[in-house]
Amino acid sequence: MGDDNTYEELLNFLKALADDSRLKIVGLLSQRSYTVEQLSSLLGLGMSTTSHHLARLAQADLVSARADGHYYYYNLKTDVLRRLSQRLLKSETLTGLTQDVDLDAYDRKVLKNFTDEKGRIMAFPSQEKKLLVLLRHVVKAFEPNTRYPEKQVNEILASYNEDTAFLRRNLVGYKFMDREGGGGEYWRLPELAAADAVD
């Protein structure tokens, strides 16, 4: 993630909520204020344990306390909870969590197992997920925005595997490519089309 502070903030936010008792405390405080004694009694927890959970939530800036006589009443900072949720859980933030992950590692493993050193497919996997890796590998041989006659398509596919009909059928079936009816021209589709076809 580009912003290390945002990453740490999200981690602390999720850790603060990643506990059954703390989630129950959040649920109770979303309705009204409670003292440690009241929360302890409601949850069947010891006072020190309840105080620990409240301190953890306070550390994440999700609860606050106000003195009233001899007691402290705890409140849920619903505005902070809502703001953090909206900001930290937005799609751009979640996508950024994978910046240090090698997203191509799985594809490389599949290609190593099913292709030779020249990139030819030695066998077709039965698992759809692995087959899609091979199809992504093959479709790179076709230029975007270019139309190919079926004969040329078969010639290109033959350099990957002799079963050109299987490759052709699946490239079209999984929306990596499209074609005109009756053995007409073929062309490569945007990658999003393939993702939609699998979903």
N, C-alpha and C. Protein backbone atom coordinates (compact mmCIF):
# COMPACT_ATOMS: atom_id res chain seq x y z
N MET A 1 0.85 -1.18 0.00
CA MET A 1 0.00 0.00 0.00
C MET A 1 0.88 1.22 0.00
N GLY A 2 0.48 2.22 -0.76
CA GLY A 2 1.30 3.41 -0.89
C GLY A 2 1.46 4.16 0.40
N ASP A 3 0.46 4.14 1.27
CA ASP A 3 0.49 4.90 2.52
C ASP A 3 0.61 3.93 3.69
N ASP A 4 1.81 3.86 4.29
CA ASP A 4 2.02 2.94 5.40
C ASP A 4 1.16 3.29 6.60
N ASN A 5 0.90 4.58 6.81
CA ASN A 5 0.06 5.00 7.94
C ASN A 5 -1.36 4.47 7.78
N THR A 6 -1.88 4.52 6.56
CA THR A 6 -3.22 4.00 6.31
C THR A 6 -3.26 2.50 6.56
N TYR A 7 -2.20 1.81 6.14
CA TYR A 7 -2.12 0.36 6.36
C TYR A 7 -2.17 0.04 7.85
N GLU A 8 -1.35 0.74 8.64
CA GLU A 8 -1.32 0.52 10.08
C GLU A 8 -2.65 0.87 10.73
N GLU A 9 -3.26 1.94 10.25
CA GLU A 9 -4.55 2.36 10.81
C GLU A 9 -5.62 1.31 10.54
N LEU A 10 -5.62 0.77 9.33
CA LEU A 10 -6.58 -0.27 8.98
C LEU A 10 -6.32 -1.53 9.82
N LEU A 11 -5.06 -1.88 9.98
CA LEU A 11 -4.70 -3.06 10.77
C LEU A 11 -5.18 -2.91 12.21
N ASN A 12 -4.94 -1.74 12.81
CA ASN A 12 -5.38 -1.49 14.19
C ASN A 12 -6.90 -1.50 14.31
N PHE A 13 -7.55 -0.93 13.31
CA PHE A 13 -9.01 -0.87 13.30
C PHE A 13 -9.60 -2.29 13.28
N LEU A 14 -9.07 -3.13 12.39
CA LEU A 14 -9.58 -4.49 12.27
C LEU A 14 -9.23 -5.34 13.49
N LYS A 15 -8.03 -5.14 14.03
CA LYS A 15 -7.65 -5.89 15.24
C LYS A 15 -8.54 -5.52 16.42
N ALA A 16 -8.88 -4.24 16.51
CA ALA A 16 -9.74 -3.79 17.61
C ALA A 16 -11.10 -4.46 17.57
N LEU A 17 -11.57 -4.76 16.38
CA LEU A 17 -12.90 -5.36 16.23
C LEU A 17 -12.85 -6.89 16.12
N ALA A 18 -11.63 -7.44 16.02
CA ALA A 18 -11.49 -8.87 15.79
C ALA A 18 -11.56 -9.67 17.09
N ASP A 19 -12.63 -9.47 17.84
CA ASP A 19 -12.81 -10.19 19.10
C ASP A 19 -14.30 -10.23 19.41
N ASP A 20 -14.79 -11.39 19.78
CA ASP A 20 -16.22 -11.57 20.03
C ASP A 20 -16.73 -10.63 21.12
N SER A 21 -15.99 -10.53 22.23
CA SER A 21 -16.42 -9.69 23.34
C SER A 21 -16.42 -8.22 22.95
N ARG A 22 -15.39 -7.79 22.20
CA ARG A 22 -15.32 -6.38 21.81
C ARG A 22 -16.45 -6.03 20.84
N LEU A 23 -16.79 -6.98 19.96
CA LEU A 23 -17.91 -6.72 19.06
C LEU A 23 -19.22 -6.58 19.85
N LYS A 24 -19.37 -7.39 20.88
CA LYS A 24 -20.57 -7.28 21.72
C LYS A 24 -20.59 -5.94 22.45
N ILE A 25 -19.42 -5.49 22.92
CA ILE A 25 -19.33 -4.19 23.58
C ILE A 25 -19.74 -3.08 22.62
N VAL A 26 -19.22 -3.17 21.38
CA VAL A 26 -19.59 -2.18 20.36
C VAL A 26 -21.10 -2.19 20.14
N GLY A 27 -21.67 -3.39 20.09
CA GLY A 27 -23.12 -3.51 19.89
C GLY A 27 -23.91 -2.90 21.03
N LEU A 28 -23.46 -3.14 22.26
CA LEU A 28 -24.14 -2.57 23.44
C LEU A 28 -24.00 -1.05 23.48
N LEU A 29 -22.77 -0.56 23.24
CA LEU A 29 -22.54 0.88 23.32
C LEU A 29 -23.19 1.63 22.16
N SER A 30 -23.55 0.91 21.11
CA SER A 30 -24.25 1.58 20.00
C SER A 30 -25.67 1.96 20.40
N GLN A 31 -26.14 1.38 21.51
CA GLN A 31 -27.51 1.65 21.96
C GLN A 31 -27.57 2.66 23.11
N ARG A 32 -26.56 2.63 23.98
CA ARG A 32 -26.53 3.55 25.12
C ARG A 32 -25.18 3.47 25.80
N SER A 33 -24.97 4.33 26.80
CA SER A 33 -23.72 4.33 27.57
C SER A 33 -23.78 3.27 28.67
N TYR A 34 -22.62 2.72 28.98
CA TYR A 34 -22.53 1.72 30.05
C TYR A 34 -21.26 1.96 30.86
N THR A 35 -21.31 1.52 32.12
CA THR A 35 -20.11 1.52 32.95
C THR A 35 -19.40 0.19 32.75
N VAL A 36 -18.17 0.12 33.25
CA VAL A 36 -17.43 -1.15 33.18
C VAL A 36 -18.20 -2.23 33.94
N GLU A 37 -18.73 -1.87 35.11
CA GLU A 37 -19.47 -2.84 35.92
C GLU A 37 -20.67 -3.40 35.17
N GLN A 38 -21.41 -2.52 34.50
CA GLN A 38 -22.59 -2.96 33.76
C GLN A 38 -22.21 -3.88 32.59
N LEU A 39 -21.19 -3.47 31.85
CA LEU A 39 -20.75 -4.29 30.72
C LEU A 39 -20.23 -5.64 31.20
N SER A 40 -19.49 -5.62 32.29
CA SER A 40 -18.95 -6.85 32.86
C SER A 40 -20.06 -7.82 33.22
N SER A 41 -21.11 -7.28 33.83
CA SER A 41 -22.25 -8.12 34.23
C SER A 41 -23.01 -8.65 33.01
N LEU A 42 -23.22 -7.80 32.03
CA LEU A 42 -23.97 -8.21 30.83
C LEU A 42 -23.23 -9.28 30.02
N LEU A 43 -21.90 -9.17 29.96
CA LEU A 43 -21.12 -10.09 29.14
C LEU A 43 -20.61 -11.30 29.90
N GLY A 44 -20.77 -11.26 31.23
CA GLY A 44 -20.27 -12.37 32.03
C GLY A 44 -18.75 -12.42 32.07
N LEU A 45 -18.13 -11.26 32.02
CA LEU A 45 -16.67 -11.15 32.04
C LEU A 45 -16.20 -10.51 33.33
N GLY A 46 -14.93 -10.74 33.67
CA GLY A 46 -14.36 -10.09 34.82
C GLY A 46 -14.17 -8.60 34.55
N MET A 47 -14.08 -7.84 35.60
CA MET A 47 -13.91 -6.38 35.46
C MET A 47 -12.63 -6.05 34.71
N SER A 48 -11.54 -6.74 35.06
CA SER A 48 -10.25 -6.43 34.43
C SER A 48 -10.28 -6.78 32.94
N THR A 49 -10.94 -7.88 32.60
CA THR A 49 -11.06 -8.28 31.19
C THR A 49 -11.88 -7.26 30.41
N THR A 50 -12.98 -6.83 31.00
CA THR A 50 -13.83 -5.83 30.35
C THR A 50 -13.07 -4.53 30.16
N SER A 51 -12.33 -4.14 31.19
CA SER A 51 -11.53 -2.90 31.10
C SER A 51 -10.48 -3.01 30.00
N HIS A 52 -9.89 -4.19 29.86
CA HIS A 52 -8.89 -4.42 28.82
C HIS A 52 -9.52 -4.23 27.43
N HIS A 53 -10.70 -4.81 27.24
CA HIS A 53 -11.38 -4.68 25.95
C HIS A 53 -11.74 -3.22 25.65
N LEU A 54 -12.19 -2.51 26.67
CA LEU A 54 -12.53 -1.10 26.48
C LEU A 54 -11.27 -0.28 26.15
N ALA A 55 -10.17 -0.62 26.79
CA ALA A 55 -8.92 0.09 26.52
C ALA A 55 -8.47 -0.17 25.08
N ARG A 56 -8.68 -1.39 24.61
CA ARG A 56 -8.30 -1.73 23.23
C ARG A 56 -9.15 -0.95 22.23
N LEU A 57 -10.42 -0.83 22.52
CA LEU A 57 -11.32 -0.05 21.65
C LEU A 57 -11.00 1.44 21.72
N ALA A 58 -10.63 1.91 22.90
CA ALA A 58 -10.26 3.32 23.07
C ALA A 58 -8.98 3.63 22.32
N GLN A 59 -8.06 2.68 22.31
CA GLN A 59 -6.80 2.84 21.60
C GLN A 59 -7.04 3.04 20.10
N ALA A 60 -8.09 2.39 19.59
CA ALA A 60 -8.45 2.54 18.18
C ALA A 60 -9.38 3.73 17.98
N ASP A 61 -9.59 4.51 19.05
CA ASP A 61 -10.42 5.72 19.01
C ASP A 61 -11.88 5.41 18.71
N LEU A 62 -12.35 4.24 19.16
CA LEU A 62 -13.73 3.84 18.88
C LEU A 62 -14.66 4.07 20.08
N VAL A 63 -14.09 4.22 21.28
CA VAL A 63 -14.94 4.52 22.45
C VAL A 63 -14.31 5.66 23.25
N SER A 64 -15.16 6.33 24.00
CA SER A 64 -14.70 7.39 24.90
C SER A 64 -15.37 7.19 26.25
N ALA A 65 -14.82 7.83 27.27
CA ALA A 65 -15.38 7.69 28.62
C ALA A 65 -15.65 9.07 29.21
N ARG A 66 -16.74 9.16 29.98
CA ARG A 66 -17.04 10.42 30.66
C ARG A 66 -17.32 10.10 32.14
N ALA A 67 -16.83 10.94 33.00
CA ALA A 67 -17.02 10.73 34.44
C ALA A 67 -18.40 11.24 34.86
N ASP A 68 -19.06 10.45 35.70
CA ASP A 68 -20.36 10.85 36.26
C ASP A 68 -20.39 10.34 37.69
N GLY A 69 -20.06 11.22 38.62
CA GLY A 69 -19.97 10.79 40.02
C GLY A 69 -18.77 9.88 40.21
N HIS A 70 -19.02 8.71 40.78
CA HIS A 70 -17.94 7.75 41.03
C HIS A 70 -17.74 6.79 39.86
N TYR A 71 -18.48 6.95 38.81
CA TYR A 71 -18.42 6.00 37.69
C TYR A 71 -17.97 6.67 36.40
N TYR A 72 -17.41 5.84 35.53
CA TYR A 72 -17.11 6.26 34.17
C TYR A 72 -18.08 5.58 33.23
N TYR A 73 -18.72 6.37 32.40
CA TYR A 73 -19.64 5.83 31.41
C TYR A 73 -18.96 5.83 30.04
N TYR A 74 -19.03 4.69 29.38
CA TYR A 74 -18.38 4.53 28.08
C TYR A 74 -19.38 4.71 26.94
N ASN A 75 -18.92 5.41 25.93
CA ASN A 75 -19.77 5.68 24.76
C ASN A 75 -19.05 5.22 23.49
N LEU A 76 -19.83 4.76 22.54
CA LEU A 76 -19.28 4.40 21.24
C LEU A 76 -19.18 5.66 20.39
N LYS A 77 -18.03 5.86 19.79
CA LYS A 77 -17.85 7.03 18.91
C LYS A 77 -18.32 6.64 17.51
N THR A 78 -19.63 6.67 17.36
CA THR A 78 -20.23 6.17 16.11
C THR A 78 -19.76 6.96 14.89
N ASP A 79 -19.51 8.25 15.07
CA ASP A 79 -19.05 9.05 13.93
C ASP A 79 -17.66 8.60 13.48
N VAL A 80 -16.80 8.27 14.46
CA VAL A 80 -15.45 7.79 14.12
C VAL A 80 -15.53 6.41 13.46
N LEU A 81 -16.37 5.55 14.02
CA LEU A 81 -16.55 4.20 13.46
C LEU A 81 -17.02 4.28 12.01
N ARG A 82 -17.98 5.16 11.78
CA ARG A 82 -18.52 5.31 10.42
C ARG A 82 -17.47 5.89 9.48
N ARG A 83 -16.75 6.90 9.96
CA ARG A 83 -15.75 7.54 9.11
C ARG A 83 -14.60 6.58 8.77
N LEU A 84 -14.12 5.85 9.78
CA LEU A 84 -13.05 4.90 9.54
C LEU A 84 -13.48 3.79 8.60
N SER A 85 -14.71 3.31 8.78
CA SER A 85 -15.22 2.25 7.92
C SER A 85 -15.26 2.71 6.46
N GLN A 86 -15.79 3.90 6.25
CA GLN A 86 -15.92 4.42 4.89
C GLN A 86 -14.57 4.67 4.25
N ARG A 87 -13.64 5.18 5.04
CA ARG A 87 -12.34 5.54 4.47
C ARG A 87 -11.42 4.34 4.32
N LEU A 88 -11.35 3.51 5.36
CA LEU A 88 -10.40 2.40 5.34
C LEU A 88 -10.87 1.21 4.54
N LEU A 89 -12.17 1.06 4.39
CA LEU A 89 -12.69 -0.10 3.68
C LEU A 89 -13.13 0.22 2.26
N LYS A 90 -12.77 1.39 1.75
CA LYS A 90 -13.11 1.69 0.36
C LYS A 90 -12.25 0.84 -0.57
N SER A 91 -12.71 0.63 -1.77
CA SER A 91 -12.09 -0.34 -2.68
C SER A 91 -10.63 -0.03 -2.97
N GLU A 92 -10.27 1.27 -3.11
CA GLU A 92 -8.88 1.60 -3.41
C GLU A 92 -7.95 1.20 -2.27
N THR A 93 -8.42 1.38 -1.04
CA THR A 93 -7.61 1.01 0.11
C THR A 93 -7.41 -0.50 0.17
N LEU A 94 -8.50 -1.25 -0.03
CA LEU A 94 -8.41 -2.70 0.03
C LEU A 94 -7.54 -3.25 -1.09
N THR A 95 -7.66 -2.67 -2.27
CA THR A 95 -6.83 -3.11 -3.39
C THR A 95 -5.36 -2.88 -3.09
N GLY A 96 -5.04 -1.77 -2.42
CA GLY A 96 -3.66 -1.44 -2.10
C GLY A 96 -3.02 -2.41 -1.13
N LEU A 97 -3.83 -3.21 -0.43
CA LEU A 97 -3.28 -4.17 0.53
C LEU A 97 -2.45 -5.25 -0.15
N THR A 98 -2.63 -5.43 -1.45
CA THR A 98 -1.95 -6.52 -2.16
C THR A 98 -0.67 -6.06 -2.86
N GLN A 99 -0.21 -4.86 -2.60
CA GLN A 99 0.93 -4.35 -3.36
C GLN A 99 2.19 -5.18 -3.17
N ASP A 100 2.35 -5.83 -2.03
CA ASP A 100 3.53 -6.64 -1.79
C ASP A 100 3.31 -8.11 -2.11
N VAL A 101 2.14 -8.44 -2.66
CA VAL A 101 1.82 -9.83 -2.99
C VAL A 101 2.17 -10.10 -4.44
N ASP A 102 2.81 -11.21 -4.70
CA ASP A 102 3.16 -11.60 -6.06
C ASP A 102 1.92 -12.22 -6.70
N LEU A 103 1.15 -11.41 -7.42
CA LEU A 103 -0.11 -11.86 -7.99
C LEU A 103 0.06 -12.86 -9.12
N ASP A 104 1.26 -12.94 -9.69
CA ASP A 104 1.50 -13.86 -10.81
C ASP A 104 2.11 -15.19 -10.38
N ALA A 105 2.33 -15.37 -9.09
CA ALA A 105 2.99 -16.58 -8.61
C ALA A 105 2.21 -17.84 -8.99
N TYR A 106 0.89 -17.80 -8.82
CA TYR A 106 0.06 -18.96 -9.14
C TYR A 106 0.14 -19.28 -10.63
N ASP A 107 0.04 -18.24 -11.47
CA ASP A 107 0.10 -18.45 -12.91
C ASP A 107 1.43 -19.09 -13.32
N ARG A 108 2.51 -18.61 -12.73
CA ARG A 108 3.83 -19.16 -13.07
C ARG A 108 3.92 -20.64 -12.68
N LYS A 109 3.35 -20.98 -11.55
CA LYS A 109 3.37 -22.37 -11.09
C LYS A 109 2.60 -23.27 -12.04
N VAL A 110 1.43 -22.80 -12.48
CA VAL A 110 0.61 -23.60 -13.40
C VAL A 110 1.34 -23.76 -14.74
N LEU A 111 1.89 -22.67 -15.23
CA LEU A 111 2.59 -22.74 -16.52
C LEU A 111 3.80 -23.67 -16.43
N LYS A 112 4.48 -23.66 -15.30
CA LYS A 112 5.63 -24.54 -15.13
C LYS A 112 5.22 -26.00 -15.18
N ASN A 113 4.02 -26.30 -14.64
CA ASN A 113 3.54 -27.68 -14.57
C ASN A 113 2.92 -28.18 -15.88
N PHE A 114 2.42 -27.26 -16.70
CA PHE A 114 1.66 -27.70 -17.88
C PHE A 114 2.25 -27.27 -19.22
N THR A 115 3.36 -26.54 -19.20
CA THR A 115 3.98 -26.15 -20.47
C THR A 115 5.46 -26.53 -20.45
N ASP A 116 6.03 -26.67 -21.64
CA ASP A 116 7.45 -26.97 -21.73
C ASP A 116 8.25 -25.67 -21.76
N GLU A 117 9.56 -25.79 -21.99
CA GLU A 117 10.42 -24.61 -21.94
C GLU A 117 10.13 -23.62 -23.07
N LYS A 118 9.45 -24.08 -24.12
CA LYS A 118 9.09 -23.20 -25.24
C LYS A 118 7.69 -22.61 -25.09
N GLY A 119 7.02 -22.95 -23.98
CA GLY A 119 5.69 -22.42 -23.75
C GLY A 119 4.58 -23.24 -24.37
N ARG A 120 4.92 -24.40 -24.95
CA ARG A 120 3.88 -25.28 -25.51
C ARG A 120 3.15 -26.02 -24.40
N ILE A 121 1.86 -26.19 -24.58
CA ILE A 121 1.04 -26.87 -23.57
C ILE A 121 1.19 -28.38 -23.72
N MET A 122 1.65 -29.03 -22.67
CA MET A 122 1.88 -30.47 -22.70
C MET A 122 0.62 -31.26 -22.37
N ALA A 123 -0.25 -30.67 -21.54
CA ALA A 123 -1.51 -31.32 -21.15
C ALA A 123 -2.46 -30.24 -20.67
N PHE A 124 -3.75 -30.55 -20.77
CA PHE A 124 -4.77 -29.60 -20.31
C PHE A 124 -5.27 -30.03 -18.94
N PRO A 125 -5.26 -29.12 -17.96
CA PRO A 125 -5.75 -29.46 -16.61
C PRO A 125 -7.26 -29.61 -16.58
N SER A 126 -7.72 -30.39 -15.62
CA SER A 126 -9.17 -30.57 -15.47
C SER A 126 -9.79 -29.41 -14.69
N GLN A 127 -8.97 -28.76 -13.85
CA GLN A 127 -9.49 -27.64 -13.05
C GLN A 127 -9.63 -26.39 -13.91
N GLU A 128 -10.80 -25.77 -13.81
CA GLU A 128 -11.09 -24.58 -14.61
C GLU A 128 -10.08 -23.46 -14.33
N LYS A 129 -9.75 -23.27 -13.05
CA LYS A 129 -8.84 -22.18 -12.68
C LYS A 129 -7.49 -22.32 -13.38
N LYS A 130 -7.00 -23.54 -13.48
CA LYS A 130 -5.71 -23.78 -14.14
C LYS A 130 -5.84 -23.64 -15.66
N LEU A 131 -6.98 -24.07 -16.19
CA LEU A 131 -7.20 -23.93 -17.63
C LEU A 131 -7.20 -22.45 -18.02
N LEU A 132 -7.79 -21.62 -17.18
CA LEU A 132 -7.83 -20.19 -17.47
C LEU A 132 -6.43 -19.58 -17.52
N VAL A 133 -5.52 -20.10 -16.70
CA VAL A 133 -4.14 -19.62 -16.73
C VAL A 133 -3.53 -19.91 -18.10
N LEU A 134 -3.79 -21.11 -18.62
CA LEU A 134 -3.25 -21.49 -19.93
C LEU A 134 -3.88 -20.65 -21.04
N LEU A 135 -5.16 -20.39 -20.92
CA LEU A 135 -5.83 -19.58 -21.95
C LEU A 135 -5.29 -18.14 -21.94
N ARG A 136 -5.02 -17.60 -20.74
CA ARG A 136 -4.41 -16.26 -20.66
C ARG A 136 -3.03 -16.26 -21.30
N HIS A 137 -2.33 -17.36 -21.14
CA HIS A 137 -1.00 -17.53 -21.73
C HIS A 137 -1.09 -17.53 -23.26
N VAL A 138 -2.07 -18.25 -23.79
CA VAL A 138 -2.21 -18.40 -25.25
C VAL A 138 -2.72 -17.12 -25.91
N VAL A 139 -3.68 -16.46 -25.27
CA VAL A 139 -4.32 -15.31 -25.93
C VAL A 139 -3.36 -14.15 -26.13
N LYS A 140 -2.24 -14.16 -25.40
CA LYS A 140 -1.25 -13.10 -25.57
C LYS A 140 -0.63 -13.11 -26.97
N ALA A 141 -0.80 -14.21 -27.69
CA ALA A 141 -0.26 -14.30 -29.05
C ALA A 141 -1.10 -13.50 -30.04
N PHE A 142 -2.25 -13.06 -29.63
CA PHE A 142 -3.15 -12.30 -30.51
C PHE A 142 -3.14 -10.83 -30.13
N GLU A 143 -2.99 -9.98 -31.13
CA GLU A 143 -2.95 -8.54 -30.90
C GLU A 143 -4.37 -8.00 -30.68
N PRO A 144 -4.53 -7.08 -29.73
CA PRO A 144 -5.84 -6.44 -29.57
C PRO A 144 -6.20 -5.65 -30.83
N ASN A 145 -7.48 -5.50 -31.08
CA ASN A 145 -7.99 -4.71 -32.21
C ASN A 145 -7.51 -5.24 -33.57
N THR A 146 -7.25 -6.54 -33.62
CA THR A 146 -6.84 -7.17 -34.88
C THR A 146 -7.74 -8.36 -35.15
N ARG A 147 -8.18 -8.48 -36.39
CA ARG A 147 -9.05 -9.60 -36.77
C ARG A 147 -8.22 -10.66 -37.49
N TYR A 148 -8.49 -11.91 -37.13
CA TYR A 148 -7.73 -13.02 -37.69
C TYR A 148 -8.68 -14.01 -38.37
N PRO A 149 -8.36 -14.45 -39.60
CA PRO A 149 -9.16 -15.52 -40.21
C PRO A 149 -8.91 -16.82 -39.45
N GLU A 150 -9.85 -17.74 -39.52
CA GLU A 150 -9.75 -18.98 -38.74
C GLU A 150 -8.48 -19.76 -39.07
N LYS A 151 -8.06 -19.75 -40.29
CA LYS A 151 -6.85 -20.47 -40.68
C LYS A 151 -5.64 -19.93 -39.92
N GLN A 152 -5.54 -18.60 -39.82
CA GLN A 152 -4.41 -17.99 -39.10
C GLN A 152 -4.51 -18.27 -37.61
N VAL A 153 -5.73 -18.27 -37.09
CA VAL A 153 -5.94 -18.58 -35.68
C VAL A 153 -5.41 -19.99 -35.39
N ASN A 154 -5.75 -20.94 -36.27
CA ASN A 154 -5.31 -22.33 -36.08
C ASN A 154 -3.79 -22.44 -36.15
N GLU A 155 -3.18 -21.69 -37.03
CA GLU A 155 -1.72 -21.72 -37.16
C GLU A 155 -1.05 -21.22 -35.88
N ILE A 156 -1.60 -20.14 -35.32
CA ILE A 156 -1.06 -19.59 -34.07
C ILE A 156 -1.26 -20.56 -32.92
N LEU A 157 -2.46 -21.12 -32.83
CA LEU A 157 -2.77 -22.04 -31.73
C LEU A 157 -1.95 -23.31 -31.82
N ALA A 158 -1.64 -23.75 -33.04
CA ALA A 158 -0.87 -24.99 -33.22
C ALA A 158 0.52 -24.88 -32.62
N SER A 159 1.01 -23.65 -32.48
CA SER A 159 2.34 -23.49 -31.86
C SER A 159 2.28 -23.70 -30.35
N TYR A 160 1.05 -23.77 -29.80
CA TYR A 160 0.88 -24.04 -28.37
C TYR A 160 0.45 -25.47 -28.09
N ASN A 161 -0.43 -26.01 -28.96
CA ASN A 161 -0.90 -27.38 -28.79
C ASN A 161 -1.61 -27.81 -30.07
N GLU A 162 -1.50 -29.09 -30.38
CA GLU A 162 -2.09 -29.58 -31.64
C GLU A 162 -3.62 -29.57 -31.61
N ASP A 163 -4.21 -29.57 -30.43
CA ASP A 163 -5.68 -29.55 -30.33
C ASP A 163 -6.17 -28.11 -30.46
N THR A 164 -6.08 -27.58 -31.67
CA THR A 164 -6.46 -26.18 -31.90
C THR A 164 -7.96 -25.96 -31.70
N ALA A 165 -8.75 -26.98 -32.00
CA ALA A 165 -10.20 -26.83 -31.83
C ALA A 165 -10.56 -26.63 -30.36
N PHE A 166 -9.89 -27.36 -29.47
CA PHE A 166 -10.14 -27.21 -28.04
C PHE A 166 -9.76 -25.82 -27.57
N LEU A 167 -8.59 -25.37 -27.99
CA LEU A 167 -8.14 -24.03 -27.60
C LEU A 167 -9.08 -22.96 -28.15
N ARG A 168 -9.43 -23.09 -29.41
CA ARG A 168 -10.29 -22.09 -30.06
C ARG A 168 -11.64 -22.02 -29.35
N ARG A 169 -12.21 -23.19 -29.09
CA ARG A 169 -13.53 -23.26 -28.45
C ARG A 169 -13.51 -22.62 -27.06
N ASN A 170 -12.45 -22.89 -26.29
CA ASN A 170 -12.38 -22.35 -24.94
C ASN A 170 -11.99 -20.88 -24.90
N LEU A 171 -11.17 -20.45 -25.83
CA LEU A 171 -10.86 -19.02 -25.90
C LEU A 171 -12.12 -18.21 -26.15
N VAL A 172 -13.00 -18.73 -26.97
CA VAL A 172 -14.27 -18.06 -27.26
C VAL A 172 -15.25 -18.26 -26.10
N GLY A 173 -15.31 -19.50 -25.58
CA GLY A 173 -16.25 -19.82 -24.50
C GLY A 173 -16.00 -19.01 -23.24
N TYR A 174 -14.73 -18.77 -22.93
CA TYR A 174 -14.37 -18.01 -21.73
C TYR A 174 -14.16 -16.52 -22.03
N LYS A 175 -14.58 -16.10 -23.19
CA LYS A 175 -14.58 -14.68 -23.57
C LYS A 175 -13.19 -14.05 -23.63
N PHE A 176 -12.19 -14.86 -23.95
CA PHE A 176 -10.89 -14.28 -24.24
C PHE A 176 -10.87 -13.76 -25.68
N MET A 177 -11.69 -14.43 -26.52
CA MET A 177 -11.81 -14.03 -27.92
C MET A 177 -13.27 -14.12 -28.34
N ASP A 178 -13.57 -13.47 -29.44
CA ASP A 178 -14.91 -13.58 -30.03
C ASP A 178 -14.74 -13.89 -31.51
N ARG A 179 -15.83 -14.27 -32.15
CA ARG A 179 -15.74 -14.63 -33.57
C ARG A 179 -17.05 -14.36 -34.27
N GLU A 180 -16.95 -14.27 -35.57
CA GLU A 180 -18.14 -14.20 -36.41
C GLU A 180 -18.61 -15.62 -36.67
N GLY A 181 -19.89 -15.76 -36.83
CA GLY A 181 -20.44 -17.09 -37.09
C GLY A 181 -19.98 -17.66 -38.42
N GLY A 182 -20.08 -18.99 -38.54
CA GLY A 182 -19.78 -19.64 -39.81
C GLY A 182 -18.32 -19.63 -40.19
N GLY A 183 -17.43 -19.75 -39.20
CA GLY A 183 -16.00 -19.81 -39.50
C GLY A 183 -15.41 -18.50 -39.96
N GLY A 184 -16.01 -17.39 -39.49
CA GLY A 184 -15.51 -16.07 -39.87
C GLY A 184 -14.30 -15.67 -39.06
N GLU A 185 -14.07 -14.37 -38.96
CA GLU A 185 -12.88 -13.87 -38.29
C GLU A 185 -12.98 -13.93 -36.77
N TYR A 186 -11.82 -13.99 -36.13
CA TYR A 186 -11.69 -14.01 -34.67
C TYR A 186 -10.96 -12.75 -34.22
N TRP A 187 -11.24 -12.33 -33.01
CA TRP A 187 -10.51 -11.19 -32.44
C TRP A 187 -10.45 -11.31 -30.92
N ARG A 188 -9.42 -10.71 -30.37
CA ARG A 188 -9.19 -10.75 -28.92
C ARG A 188 -10.11 -9.76 -28.22
N LEU A 189 -10.66 -10.19 -27.09
CA LEU A 189 -11.54 -9.34 -26.28
C LEU A 189 -10.77 -8.74 -25.11
N PRO A 190 -11.25 -7.62 -24.54
CA PRO A 190 -10.62 -7.07 -23.34
C PRO A 190 -10.64 -8.09 -22.21
N GLU A 191 -9.67 -8.01 -21.31
CA GLU A 191 -9.56 -8.98 -20.23
C GLU A 191 -10.78 -9.01 -19.32
N LEU A 192 -11.44 -7.87 -19.19
CA LEU A 192 -12.62 -7.80 -18.31
C LEU A 192 -13.72 -8.74 -18.79
N ALA A 193 -13.80 -8.95 -20.10
CA ALA A 193 -14.83 -9.83 -20.65
C ALA A 193 -14.61 -11.25 -20.15
N ALA A 194 -13.35 -11.68 -20.12
CA ALA A 194 -13.02 -13.01 -19.64
C ALA A 194 -13.37 -13.16 -18.16
N ALA A 195 -13.07 -12.14 -17.37
CA ALA A 195 -13.38 -12.18 -15.93
C ALA A 195 -14.88 -12.28 -15.72
N ASP A 196 -15.66 -11.54 -16.50
CA ASP A 196 -17.11 -11.57 -16.38
C ASP A 196 -17.66 -12.94 -16.75
N ALA A 197 -17.04 -13.58 -17.74
CA ALA A 197 -17.51 -14.88 -18.18
C ALA A 197 -17.34 -15.93 -17.09
N VAL A 198 -16.24 -15.83 -16.33
CA VAL A 198 -15.99 -16.78 -15.25
C VAL A 198 -16.92 -16.53 -14.08
N ASP A 199 -17.13 -15.25 -13.75
CA ASP A 199 -18.03 -14.91 -12.65
C ASP A 199 -19.44 -15.42 -12.92
